PDB file of all heavy atoms in Angstrom:
ATOM      1  N   PRO A   1      -0.479 -14.790  -8.051  1.00  0.00           N
ATOM      2  CA  PRO A   1      -0.875 -15.184  -9.387  1.00  0.00           C
ATOM      3  C   PRO A   1      -0.809 -16.647  -9.595  1.00  0.00           C
ATOM      4  O   PRO A   1      -0.008 -17.329  -8.939  1.00  0.00           O
ATOM      5  CB  PRO A   1       0.120 -14.445 -10.278  1.00  0.00           C
ATOM      6  CG  PRO A   1       1.299 -14.276  -9.390  1.00  0.00           C
ATOM      7  CD  PRO A   1       0.807 -14.139  -8.006  1.00  0.00           C
ATOM      8  N   ALA A   2      -1.621 -17.167 -10.471  1.00  0.00           N
ATOM      9  CA  ALA A   2      -1.491 -18.560 -10.866  1.00  0.00           C
ATOM     10  C   ALA A   2      -0.206 -18.699 -11.655  1.00  0.00           C
ATOM     11  O   ALA A   2       0.337 -17.736 -12.184  1.00  0.00           O
ATOM     12  CB  ALA A   2      -2.712 -18.975 -11.700  1.00  0.00           C
ATOM     13  N   THR A   3       0.323 -19.896 -11.826  1.00  0.00           N
ATOM     14  CA  THR A   3       1.564 -20.120 -12.531  1.00  0.00           C
ATOM     15  C   THR A   3       1.313 -20.219 -13.993  1.00  0.00           C
ATOM     16  O   THR A   3       0.414 -20.962 -14.446  1.00  0.00           O
ATOM     17  CB  THR A   3       2.227 -21.401 -12.040  1.00  0.00           C
ATOM     18  OG1 THR A   3       2.419 -21.326 -10.650  1.00  0.00           O
ATOM     19  CG2 THR A   3       3.568 -21.615 -12.713  1.00  0.00           C
ATOM     20  N   HIS A   4       2.007 -19.430 -14.818  1.00  0.00           N
ATOM     21  CA  HIS A   4       1.867 -19.443 -16.290  1.00  0.00           C
ATOM     22  C   HIS A   4       3.226 -19.342 -16.911  1.00  0.00           C
ATOM     23  O   HIS A   4       4.164 -18.780 -16.323  1.00  0.00           O
ATOM     24  CB  HIS A   4       1.001 -18.245 -16.742  1.00  0.00           C
ATOM     25  CG  HIS A   4      -0.339 -18.258 -16.159  1.00  0.00           C
ATOM     26  ND1 HIS A   4      -1.341 -19.128 -16.589  1.00  0.00           N
ATOM     27  CD2 HIS A   4      -0.904 -17.545 -15.170  1.00  0.00           C
ATOM     28  CE1 HIS A   4      -2.439 -18.933 -15.871  1.00  0.00           C
ATOM     29  NE2 HIS A   4      -2.178 -17.970 -15.030  1.00  0.00           N
ATOM     30  N   THR A   5       3.355 -19.779 -18.124  1.00  0.00           N
ATOM     31  CA  THR A   5       4.626 -19.783 -18.816  1.00  0.00           C
ATOM     32  C   THR A   5       4.795 -18.544 -19.689  1.00  0.00           C
ATOM     33  O   THR A   5       5.860 -18.076 -19.914  1.00  0.00           O
ATOM     34  CB  THR A   5       4.831 -21.025 -19.647  1.00  0.00           C
ATOM     35  OG1 THR A   5       3.750 -21.158 -20.544  1.00  0.00           O
ATOM     36  CG2 THR A   5       4.898 -22.257 -18.757  1.00  0.00           C
ATOM     37  N   GLN A   6       3.719 -17.989 -20.221  1.00  0.00           N
ATOM     38  CA  GLN A   6       3.790 -16.836 -21.094  1.00  0.00           C
ATOM     39  C   GLN A   6       3.791 -15.554 -20.246  1.00  0.00           C
ATOM     40  O   GLN A   6       3.155 -15.445 -19.204  1.00  0.00           O
ATOM     41  CB  GLN A   6       2.589 -16.788 -22.052  1.00  0.00           C
ATOM     42  CG  GLN A   6       2.599 -17.863 -23.090  1.00  0.00           C
ATOM     43  CD  GLN A   6       1.360 -17.733 -23.929  1.00  0.00           C
ATOM     44  OE1 GLN A   6       0.279 -17.807 -23.408  1.00  0.00           O
ATOM     45  NE2 GLN A   6       1.566 -17.448 -25.199  1.00  0.00           N
ATOM     46  N   ALA A   7       4.502 -14.552 -20.743  1.00  0.00           N
ATOM     47  CA  ALA A   7       4.612 -13.264 -20.010  1.00  0.00           C
ATOM     48  C   ALA A   7       3.275 -12.611 -19.794  1.00  0.00           C
ATOM     49  O   ALA A   7       2.984 -12.112 -18.742  1.00  0.00           O
ATOM     50  CB  ALA A   7       5.531 -12.331 -20.741  1.00  0.00           C
ATOM     51  N   ASN A   8       2.379 -12.665 -20.806  1.00  0.00           N
ATOM     52  CA  ASN A   8       1.063 -12.019 -20.612  1.00  0.00           C
ATOM     53  C   ASN A   8      -0.073 -13.013 -20.665  1.00  0.00           C
ATOM     54  O   ASN A   8      -1.143 -12.716 -21.097  1.00  0.00           O
ATOM     55  CB  ASN A   8       0.864 -10.913 -21.681  1.00  0.00           C
ATOM     56  CG  ASN A   8       0.828 -11.419 -23.077  1.00  0.00           C
ATOM     57  OD1 ASN A   8       1.214 -12.594 -23.338  1.00  0.00           O
ATOM     58  ND2 ASN A   8       0.350 -10.647 -24.010  1.00  0.00           N
ATOM     59  N   ALA A   9       0.200 -14.237 -20.173  1.00  0.00           N
ATOM     60  CA  ALA A   9      -0.797 -15.245 -20.077  1.00  0.00           C
ATOM     61  C   ALA A   9      -1.866 -14.804 -19.081  1.00  0.00           C
ATOM     62  O   ALA A   9      -1.621 -13.977 -18.211  1.00  0.00           O
ATOM     63  CB  ALA A   9      -0.187 -16.583 -19.674  1.00  0.00           C
ATOM     64  N   PRO A  10      -3.082 -15.365 -19.167  1.00  0.00           N
ATOM     65  CA  PRO A  10      -4.097 -15.011 -18.180  1.00  0.00           C
ATOM     66  C   PRO A  10      -3.613 -15.204 -16.746  1.00  0.00           C
ATOM     67  O   PRO A  10      -2.901 -16.183 -16.444  1.00  0.00           O
ATOM     68  CB  PRO A  10      -5.211 -16.004 -18.499  1.00  0.00           C
ATOM     69  CG  PRO A  10      -5.025 -16.383 -19.946  1.00  0.00           C
ATOM     70  CD  PRO A  10      -3.506 -16.375 -20.097  1.00  0.00           C
ATOM     71  N   ARG A  11      -3.947 -14.299 -15.913  1.00  0.00           N
ATOM     72  CA  ARG A  11      -3.557 -14.344 -14.502  1.00  0.00           C
ATOM     73  C   ARG A  11      -4.815 -14.315 -13.618  1.00  0.00           C
ATOM     74  O   ARG A  11      -5.759 -13.620 -13.963  1.00  0.00           O
ATOM     75  CB  ARG A  11      -2.673 -13.114 -14.130  1.00  0.00           C
ATOM     76  CG  ARG A  11      -1.485 -12.954 -15.018  1.00  0.00           C
ATOM     77  CD  ARG A  11      -0.236 -13.510 -14.379  1.00  0.00           C
ATOM     78  NE  ARG A  11       0.898 -13.392 -15.291  1.00  0.00           N
ATOM     79  CZ  ARG A  11       1.941 -12.697 -15.040  1.00  0.00           C
ATOM     80  NH1 ARG A  11       2.075 -12.026 -13.928  1.00  0.00           N
ATOM     81  NH2 ARG A  11       2.944 -12.673 -15.914  1.00  0.00           N
ATOM     82  N   ILE A  12      -4.739 -15.060 -12.523  1.00  0.00           N
ATOM     83  CA  ILE A  12      -5.862 -15.148 -11.576  1.00  0.00           C
ATOM     84  C   ILE A  12      -5.294 -14.910 -10.143  1.00  0.00           C
ATOM     85  O   ILE A  12      -4.372 -15.581  -9.796  1.00  0.00           O
ATOM     86  CB  ILE A  12      -6.603 -16.467 -11.675  1.00  0.00           C
ATOM     87  CG1 ILE A  12      -7.071 -16.715 -13.091  1.00  0.00           C
ATOM     88  CG2 ILE A  12      -7.754 -16.505 -10.667  1.00  0.00           C
ATOM     89  CD1 ILE A  12      -7.580 -18.132 -13.313  1.00  0.00           C
ATOM     90  N   TRP A  13      -5.976 -14.082  -9.427  1.00  0.00           N
ATOM     91  CA  TRP A  13      -5.618 -13.901  -7.959  1.00  0.00           C
ATOM     92  C   TRP A  13      -6.880 -14.051  -7.144  1.00  0.00           C
ATOM     93  O   TRP A  13      -7.896 -13.470  -7.442  1.00  0.00           O
ATOM     94  CB  TRP A  13      -5.088 -12.480  -7.763  1.00  0.00           C
ATOM     95  CG  TRP A  13      -3.813 -12.187  -8.462  1.00  0.00           C
ATOM     96  CD1 TRP A  13      -2.530 -12.387  -7.990  1.00  0.00           C
ATOM     97  CD2 TRP A  13      -3.648 -11.643  -9.784  1.00  0.00           C
ATOM     98  NE1 TRP A  13      -1.632 -11.949  -8.912  1.00  0.00           N
ATOM     99  CE2 TRP A  13      -2.262 -11.519 -10.050  1.00  0.00           C
ATOM    100  CE3 TRP A  13      -4.555 -11.230 -10.756  1.00  0.00           C
ATOM    101  CZ2 TRP A  13      -1.749 -11.035 -11.214  1.00  0.00           C
ATOM    102  CZ3 TRP A  13      -4.091 -10.760 -11.952  1.00  0.00           C
ATOM    103  CH2 TRP A  13      -2.691 -10.625 -12.180  1.00  0.00           C
ATOM    104  N   TRP A  14      -6.791 -14.897  -6.111  1.00  0.00           N
ATOM    105  CA  TRP A  14      -7.827 -15.021  -5.123  1.00  0.00           C
ATOM    106  C   TRP A  14      -7.620 -13.979  -4.066  1.00  0.00           C
ATOM    107  O   TRP A  14      -6.471 -13.790  -3.592  1.00  0.00           O
ATOM    108  CB  TRP A  14      -7.802 -16.412  -4.458  1.00  0.00           C
ATOM    109  CG  TRP A  14      -8.200 -17.475  -5.434  1.00  0.00           C
ATOM    110  CD1 TRP A  14      -7.369 -18.297  -6.169  1.00  0.00           C
ATOM    111  CD2 TRP A  14      -9.527 -17.860  -5.836  1.00  0.00           C
ATOM    112  NE1 TRP A  14      -8.078 -19.113  -6.992  1.00  0.00           N
ATOM    113  CE2 TRP A  14      -9.417 -18.887  -6.800  1.00  0.00           C
ATOM    114  CE3 TRP A  14     -10.782 -17.383  -5.475  1.00  0.00           C
ATOM    115  CZ2 TRP A  14     -10.527 -19.475  -7.392  1.00  0.00           C
ATOM    116  CZ3 TRP A  14     -11.899 -17.936  -6.073  1.00  0.00           C
ATOM    117  CH2 TRP A  14     -11.756 -18.984  -7.006  1.00  0.00           C
ATOM    118  N   LEU A  15      -8.638 -13.244  -3.719  1.00  0.00           N
ATOM    119  CA  LEU A  15      -8.544 -12.168  -2.737  1.00  0.00           C
ATOM    120  C   LEU A  15      -9.440 -12.386  -1.577  1.00  0.00           C
ATOM    121  O   LEU A  15     -10.524 -12.906  -1.742  1.00  0.00           O
ATOM    122  CB  LEU A  15      -8.908 -10.816  -3.421  1.00  0.00           C
ATOM    123  CG  LEU A  15      -8.056 -10.420  -4.647  1.00  0.00           C
ATOM    124  CD1 LEU A  15      -8.760  -9.310  -5.411  1.00  0.00           C
ATOM    125  CD2 LEU A  15      -6.704  -9.999  -4.170  1.00  0.00           C
ATOM    126  N   PRO A  16      -9.016 -11.955  -0.390  1.00  0.00           N
ATOM    127  CA  PRO A  16      -9.922 -12.041   0.777  1.00  0.00           C
ATOM    128  C   PRO A  16     -11.111 -11.161   0.576  1.00  0.00           C
ATOM    129  O   PRO A  16     -11.006 -10.124  -0.084  1.00  0.00           O
ATOM    130  CB  PRO A  16      -9.068 -11.593   1.978  1.00  0.00           C
ATOM    131  CG  PRO A  16      -7.751 -11.184   1.420  1.00  0.00           C
ATOM    132  CD  PRO A  16      -7.743 -11.402  -0.066  1.00  0.00           C
ATOM    133  N   HIS A  17     -12.204 -11.493   1.156  1.00  0.00           N
ATOM    134  CA  HIS A  17     -13.451 -10.705   1.023  1.00  0.00           C
ATOM    135  C   HIS A  17     -13.435  -9.651   2.140  1.00  0.00           C
ATOM    136  O   HIS A  17     -14.208  -9.691   3.098  1.00  0.00           O
ATOM    137  CB  HIS A  17     -14.665 -11.617   1.151  1.00  0.00           C
ATOM    138  CG  HIS A  17     -15.851 -11.054   0.535  1.00  0.00           C
ATOM    139  ND1 HIS A  17     -16.767 -10.251   1.242  1.00  0.00           N
ATOM    140  CD2 HIS A  17     -16.372 -11.135  -0.731  1.00  0.00           C
ATOM    141  CE1 HIS A  17     -17.751  -9.899   0.449  1.00  0.00           C
ATOM    142  NE2 HIS A  17     -17.521 -10.391  -0.758  1.00  0.00           N
ATOM    143  N   HIS A  18     -12.529  -8.674   1.986  1.00  0.00           N
ATOM    144  CA  HIS A  18     -12.368  -7.574   2.925  1.00  0.00           C
ATOM    145  C   HIS A  18     -12.215  -6.274   2.170  1.00  0.00           C
ATOM    146  O   HIS A  18     -11.703  -6.297   1.036  1.00  0.00           O
ATOM    147  CB  HIS A  18     -11.040  -7.727   3.789  1.00  0.00           C
ATOM    148  CG  HIS A  18     -11.104  -9.014   4.612  1.00  0.00           C
ATOM    149  ND1 HIS A  18     -11.856  -9.143   5.715  1.00  0.00           N
ATOM    150  CD2 HIS A  18     -10.400 -10.166   4.455  1.00  0.00           C
ATOM    151  CE1 HIS A  18     -11.674 -10.359   6.241  1.00  0.00           C
ATOM    152  NE2 HIS A  18     -10.764 -11.005   5.486  1.00  0.00           N
ATOM    153  N   PRO A  19     -12.589  -5.126   2.740  1.00  0.00           N
ATOM    154  CA  PRO A  19     -12.521  -3.854   2.045  1.00  0.00           C
ATOM    155  C   PRO A  19     -11.128  -3.539   1.490  1.00  0.00           C
ATOM    156  O   PRO A  19     -11.022  -2.906   0.448  1.00  0.00           O
ATOM    157  CB  PRO A  19     -12.946  -2.827   3.115  1.00  0.00           C
ATOM    158  CG  PRO A  19     -13.804  -3.601   4.057  1.00  0.00           C
ATOM    159  CD  PRO A  19     -13.242  -5.002   4.080  1.00  0.00           C
ATOM    160  N   GLU A  20     -10.080  -3.986   2.186  1.00  0.00           N
ATOM    161  CA  GLU A  20      -8.723  -3.683   1.722  1.00  0.00           C
ATOM    162  C   GLU A  20      -8.396  -4.364   0.380  1.00  0.00           C
ATOM    163  O   GLU A  20      -7.430  -3.964  -0.304  1.00  0.00           O
ATOM    164  CB  GLU A  20      -7.682  -4.170   2.750  1.00  0.00           C
ATOM    165  CG  GLU A  20      -7.861  -3.623   4.126  1.00  0.00           C
ATOM    166  CD  GLU A  20      -8.900  -4.348   4.950  1.00  0.00           C
ATOM    167  OE1 GLU A  20      -9.060  -5.597   4.799  1.00  0.00           O
ATOM    168  OE2 GLU A  20      -9.573  -3.709   5.794  1.00  0.00           O
ATOM    169  N   SER A  21      -9.188  -5.355  -0.007  1.00  0.00           N
ATOM    170  CA  SER A  21      -8.914  -6.080  -1.234  1.00  0.00           C
ATOM    171  C   SER A  21      -9.105  -5.240  -2.503  1.00  0.00           C
ATOM    172  O   SER A  21      -8.515  -5.506  -3.537  1.00  0.00           O
ATOM    173  CB  SER A  21      -9.771  -7.316  -1.307  1.00  0.00           C
ATOM    174  OG  SER A  21      -9.331  -8.272  -0.361  1.00  0.00           O
ATOM    175  N   ALA A  22      -9.888  -4.150  -2.441  1.00  0.00           N
ATOM    176  CA  ALA A  22     -10.011  -3.282  -3.603  1.00  0.00           C
ATOM    177  C   ALA A  22      -8.648  -2.641  -3.909  1.00  0.00           C
ATOM    178  O   ALA A  22      -8.197  -2.638  -5.062  1.00  0.00           O
ATOM    179  CB  ALA A  22     -11.064  -2.216  -3.386  1.00  0.00           C
ATOM    180  N   GLY A  23      -7.978  -2.125  -2.880  1.00  0.00           N
ATOM    181  CA  GLY A  23      -6.649  -1.549  -3.071  1.00  0.00           C
ATOM    182  C   GLY A  23      -5.625  -2.590  -3.478  1.00  0.00           C
ATOM    183  O   GLY A  23      -4.802  -2.322  -4.360  1.00  0.00           O
ATOM    184  N   THR A  24      -5.733  -3.771  -2.868  1.00  0.00           N
ATOM    185  CA  THR A  24      -4.829  -4.888  -3.231  1.00  0.00           C
ATOM    186  C   THR A  24      -5.008  -5.222  -4.680  1.00  0.00           C
ATOM    187  O   THR A  24      -4.012  -5.434  -5.406  1.00  0.00           O
ATOM    188  CB  THR A  24      -5.085  -6.113  -2.325  1.00  0.00           C
ATOM    189  OG1 THR A  24      -4.882  -5.751  -0.966  1.00  0.00           O
ATOM    190  CG2 THR A  24      -4.174  -7.262  -2.722  1.00  0.00           C
ATOM    191  N   ALA A  25      -6.248  -5.337  -5.157  1.00  0.00           N
ATOM    192  CA  ALA A  25      -6.516  -5.676  -6.547  1.00  0.00           C
ATOM    193  C   ALA A  25      -5.915  -4.600  -7.505  1.00  0.00           C
ATOM    194  O   ALA A  25      -5.354  -4.976  -8.545  1.00  0.00           O
ATOM    195  CB  ALA A  25      -8.032  -5.810  -6.764  1.00  0.00           C
ATOM    196  N   ARG A  26      -6.013  -3.312  -7.132  1.00  0.00           N
ATOM    197  CA  ARG A  26      -5.467  -2.275  -7.972  1.00  0.00           C
ATOM    198  C   ARG A  26      -3.926  -2.418  -8.054  1.00  0.00           C
ATOM    199  O   ARG A  26      -3.339  -2.283  -9.137  1.00  0.00           O
ATOM    200  CB  ARG A  26      -5.844  -0.895  -7.458  1.00  0.00           C
ATOM    201  CG  ARG A  26      -7.298  -0.518  -7.767  1.00  0.00           C
ATOM    202  CD  ARG A  26      -7.566   0.949  -7.426  1.00  0.00           C
ATOM    203  NE  ARG A  26      -7.360   1.270  -6.039  1.00  0.00           N
ATOM    204  CZ  ARG A  26      -8.285   1.126  -5.077  1.00  0.00           C
ATOM    205  NH1 ARG A  26      -9.464   0.612  -5.351  1.00  0.00           N
ATOM    206  NH2 ARG A  26      -7.994   1.461  -3.829  1.00  0.00           N
ATOM    207  N   ARG A  27      -3.295  -2.635  -6.898  1.00  0.00           N
ATOM    208  CA  ARG A  27      -1.846  -2.827  -6.896  1.00  0.00           C
ATOM    209  C   ARG A  27      -1.377  -4.036  -7.730  1.00  0.00           C
ATOM    210  O   ARG A  27      -0.447  -3.946  -8.517  1.00  0.00           O
ATOM    211  CB  ARG A  27      -1.314  -2.949  -5.472  1.00  0.00           C
ATOM    212  CG  ARG A  27      -1.331  -1.603  -4.767  1.00  0.00           C
ATOM    213  CD  ARG A  27      -0.628  -1.688  -3.399  1.00  0.00           C
ATOM    214  NE  ARG A  27      -1.278  -2.567  -2.460  1.00  0.00           N
ATOM    215  CZ  ARG A  27      -2.366  -2.282  -1.722  1.00  0.00           C
ATOM    216  NH1 ARG A  27      -2.890  -1.075  -1.844  1.00  0.00           N
ATOM    217  NH2 ARG A  27      -2.861  -3.159  -0.890  1.00  0.00           N
ATOM    218  N   ILE A  28      -2.088  -5.180  -7.560  1.00  0.00           N
ATOM    219  CA  ILE A  28      -1.771  -6.380  -8.288  1.00  0.00           C
ATOM    220  C   ILE A  28      -1.935  -6.156  -9.790  1.00  0.00           C
ATOM    221  O   ILE A  28      -1.066  -6.485 -10.584  1.00  0.00           O
ATOM    222  CB  ILE A  28      -2.688  -7.525  -7.842  1.00  0.00           C
ATOM    223  CG1 ILE A  28      -2.306  -8.005  -6.453  1.00  0.00           C
ATOM    224  CG2 ILE A  28      -2.631  -8.693  -8.821  1.00  0.00           C
ATOM    225  CD1 ILE A  28      -3.328  -8.939  -5.809  1.00  0.00           C
ATOM    226  N   ALA A  29      -3.050  -5.564 -10.200  1.00  0.00           N
ATOM    227  CA  ALA A  29      -3.353  -5.340 -11.602  1.00  0.00           C
ATOM    228  C   ALA A  29      -2.337  -4.330 -12.164  1.00  0.00           C
ATOM    229  O   ALA A  29      -1.820  -4.587 -13.294  1.00  0.00           O
ATOM    230  CB  ALA A  29      -4.764  -4.819 -11.767  1.00  0.00           C
ATOM    231  N   GLY A  30      -2.043  -3.281 -11.443  1.00  0.00           N
ATOM    232  CA  GLY A  30      -1.071  -2.332 -11.967  1.00  0.00           C
ATOM    233  C   GLY A  30       0.285  -2.961 -12.212  1.00  0.00           C
ATOM    234  O   GLY A  30       0.922  -2.709 -13.243  1.00  0.00           O
ATOM    235  N   ALA A  31       0.748  -3.744 -11.267  1.00  0.00           N
ATOM    236  CA  ALA A  31       2.021  -4.385 -11.417  1.00  0.00           C
ATOM    237  C   ALA A  31       2.049  -5.365 -12.620  1.00  0.00           C
ATOM    238  O   ALA A  31       2.980  -5.386 -13.450  1.00  0.00           O
ATOM    239  CB  ALA A  31       2.409  -5.152 -10.149  1.00  0.00           C
ATOM    240  N   ALA A  32       0.979  -6.130 -12.774  1.00  0.00           N
ATOM    241  CA  ALA A  32       0.904  -7.086 -13.892  1.00  0.00           C
ATOM    242  C   ALA A  32       0.853  -6.355 -15.206  1.00  0.00           C
ATOM    243  O   ALA A  32       1.563  -6.686 -16.164  1.00  0.00           O
ATOM    244  CB  ALA A  32      -0.322  -7.982 -13.757  1.00  0.00           C
ATOM    245  N   LEU A  33       0.088  -5.317 -15.321  1.00  0.00           N
ATOM    246  CA  LEU A  33      -0.055  -4.569 -16.564  1.00  0.00           C
ATOM    247  C   LEU A  33       1.245  -3.868 -16.947  1.00  0.00           C
ATOM    248  O   LEU A  33       1.591  -3.770 -18.131  1.00  0.00           O
ATOM    249  CB  LEU A  33      -1.233  -3.595 -16.513  1.00  0.00           C
ATOM    250  CG  LEU A  33      -2.598  -4.235 -16.304  1.00  0.00           C
ATOM    251  CD1 LEU A  33      -3.686  -3.196 -16.125  1.00  0.00           C
ATOM    252  CD2 LEU A  33      -2.933  -5.201 -17.454  1.00  0.00           C
ATOM    253  N   HIS A  34       1.995  -3.383 -15.966  1.00  0.00           N
ATOM    254  CA  HIS A  34       3.308  -2.823 -16.248  1.00  0.00           C
ATOM    255  C   HIS A  34       4.261  -3.856 -16.815  1.00  0.00           C
ATOM    256  O   HIS A  34       4.976  -3.571 -17.750  1.00  0.00           O
ATOM    257  CB  HIS A  34       3.885  -2.154 -14.988  1.00  0.00           C
ATOM    258  CG  HIS A  34       3.372  -0.778 -14.727  1.00  0.00           C
ATOM    259  ND1 HIS A  34       3.689   0.320 -15.498  1.00  0.00           N
ATOM    260  CD2 HIS A  34       2.555  -0.334 -13.751  1.00  0.00           C
ATOM    261  CE1 HIS A  34       3.066   1.383 -15.010  1.00  0.00           C
ATOM    262  NE2 HIS A  34       2.380   1.025 -13.976  1.00  0.00           N
ATOM    263  N   THR A  35       4.224  -5.060 -16.266  1.00  0.00           N
ATOM    264  CA  THR A  35       5.119  -6.120 -16.783  1.00  0.00           C
ATOM    265  C   THR A  35       4.701  -6.537 -18.210  1.00  0.00           C
ATOM    266  O   THR A  35       5.534  -7.027 -18.948  1.00  0.00           O
ATOM    267  CB  THR A  35       5.131  -7.355 -15.843  1.00  0.00           C
ATOM    268  OG1 THR A  35       3.870  -7.983 -15.872  1.00  0.00           O
ATOM    269  CG2 THR A  35       5.571  -7.020 -14.490  1.00  0.00           C
ATOM    270  N   TRP A  36       3.429  -6.303 -18.553  1.00  0.00           N
ATOM    271  CA  TRP A  36       2.980  -6.573 -19.924  1.00  0.00           C
ATOM    272  C   TRP A  36       3.266  -5.451 -20.891  1.00  0.00           C
ATOM    273  O   TRP A  36       2.856  -5.457 -22.030  1.00  0.00           O
ATOM    274  CB  TRP A  36       1.485  -6.898 -19.923  1.00  0.00           C
ATOM    275  CG  TRP A  36       1.094  -8.171 -19.196  1.00  0.00           C
ATOM    276  CD1 TRP A  36       1.933  -9.092 -18.679  1.00  0.00           C
ATOM    277  CD2 TRP A  36      -0.223  -8.585 -18.935  1.00  0.00           C
ATOM    278  NE1 TRP A  36       1.184 -10.121 -18.088  1.00  0.00           N
ATOM    279  CE2 TRP A  36      -0.153  -9.846 -18.262  1.00  0.00           C
ATOM    280  CE3 TRP A  36      -1.501  -8.093 -19.212  1.00  0.00           C
ATOM    281  CZ2 TRP A  36      -1.251 -10.554 -17.846  1.00  0.00           C
ATOM    282  CZ3 TRP A  36      -2.601  -8.811 -18.817  1.00  0.00           C
ATOM    283  CH2 TRP A  36      -2.471 -10.032 -18.104  1.00  0.00           C
ATOM    284  N   ASN A  37       3.887  -4.353 -20.371  1.00  0.00           N
ATOM    285  CA  ASN A  37       4.192  -3.197 -21.175  1.00  0.00           C
ATOM    286  C   ASN A  37       2.946  -2.515 -21.735  1.00  0.00           C
ATOM    287  O   ASN A  37       2.966  -1.959 -22.846  1.00  0.00           O
ATOM    288  CB  ASN A  37       5.195  -3.488 -22.289  1.00  0.00           C
ATOM    289  CG  ASN A  37       6.519  -3.940 -21.728  1.00  0.00           C
ATOM    290  OD1 ASN A  37       7.014  -3.313 -20.773  1.00  0.00           O
ATOM    291  ND2 ASN A  37       7.063  -4.984 -22.292  1.00  0.00           N
ATOM    292  N   ILE A  38       1.881  -2.464 -20.956  1.00  0.00           N
ATOM    293  CA  ILE A  38       0.675  -1.747 -21.321  1.00  0.00           C
ATOM    294  C   ILE A  38       0.938  -0.254 -21.090  1.00  0.00           C
ATOM    295  O   ILE A  38       1.593   0.128 -20.108  1.00  0.00           O
ATOM    296  CB  ILE A  38      -0.525  -2.219 -20.466  1.00  0.00           C
ATOM    297  CG1 ILE A  38      -0.713  -3.717 -20.562  1.00  0.00           C
ATOM    298  CG2 ILE A  38      -1.757  -1.470 -20.772  1.00  0.00           C
ATOM    299  CD1 ILE A  38      -1.121  -4.226 -21.921  1.00  0.00           C
ATOM    300  N   ASP A  39       0.403   0.592 -21.983  1.00  0.00           N
ATOM    301  CA  ASP A  39       0.657   2.049 -21.806  1.00  0.00           C
ATOM    302  C   ASP A  39      -0.055   2.554 -20.566  1.00  0.00           C
ATOM    303  O   ASP A  39      -1.031   2.017 -20.086  1.00  0.00           O
ATOM    304  CB  ASP A  39       0.260   2.808 -23.033  1.00  0.00           C
ATOM    305  CG  ASP A  39      -1.237   2.789 -23.278  1.00  0.00           C
ATOM    306  OD1 ASP A  39      -1.880   3.702 -22.775  1.00  0.00           O
ATOM    307  OD2 ASP A  39      -1.708   1.867 -23.948  1.00  0.00           O
ATOM    308  N   ASP A  40       0.449   3.730 -20.052  1.00  0.00           N
ATOM    309  CA  ASP A  40      -0.074   4.288 -18.795  1.00  0.00           C
ATOM    310  C   ASP A  40      -1.509   4.663 -18.845  1.00  0.00           C
ATOM    311  O   ASP A  40      -2.265   4.459 -17.895  1.00  0.00           O
ATOM    312  CB  ASP A  40       0.757   5.475 -18.381  1.00  0.00           C
ATOM    313  CG  ASP A  40       2.146   5.101 -17.935  1.00  0.00           C
ATOM    314  OD1 ASP A  40       2.390   3.899 -17.533  1.00  0.00           O
ATOM    315  OD2 ASP A  40       3.058   5.991 -17.915  1.00  0.00           O
ATOM    316  N   ASP A  41      -2.008   5.175 -19.967  1.00  0.00           N
ATOM    317  CA  ASP A  41      -3.441   5.554 -20.092  1.00  0.00           C
ATOM    318  C   ASP A  41      -4.321   4.325 -19.973  1.00  0.00           C
ATOM    319  O   ASP A  41      -5.358   4.363 -19.289  1.00  0.00           O
ATOM    320  CB  ASP A  41      -3.722   6.293 -21.404  1.00  0.00           C
ATOM    321  CG  ASP A  41      -3.151   7.707 -21.402  1.00  0.00           C
ATOM    322  OD1 ASP A  41      -2.941   8.287 -20.322  1.00  0.00           O
ATOM    323  OD2 ASP A  41      -2.970   8.233 -22.509  1.00  0.00           O
TER     324      ASP A  41
END
């Protein structure tokens, strides 16, 4: 993630252009959204 001071500030991740990046993106997004206390649905 880029460096931010707010807990739910915009986040940006650069990903390699490889098929595995779809799974990586899901894991990264899931972790970030959990830290933002977004509901499971």
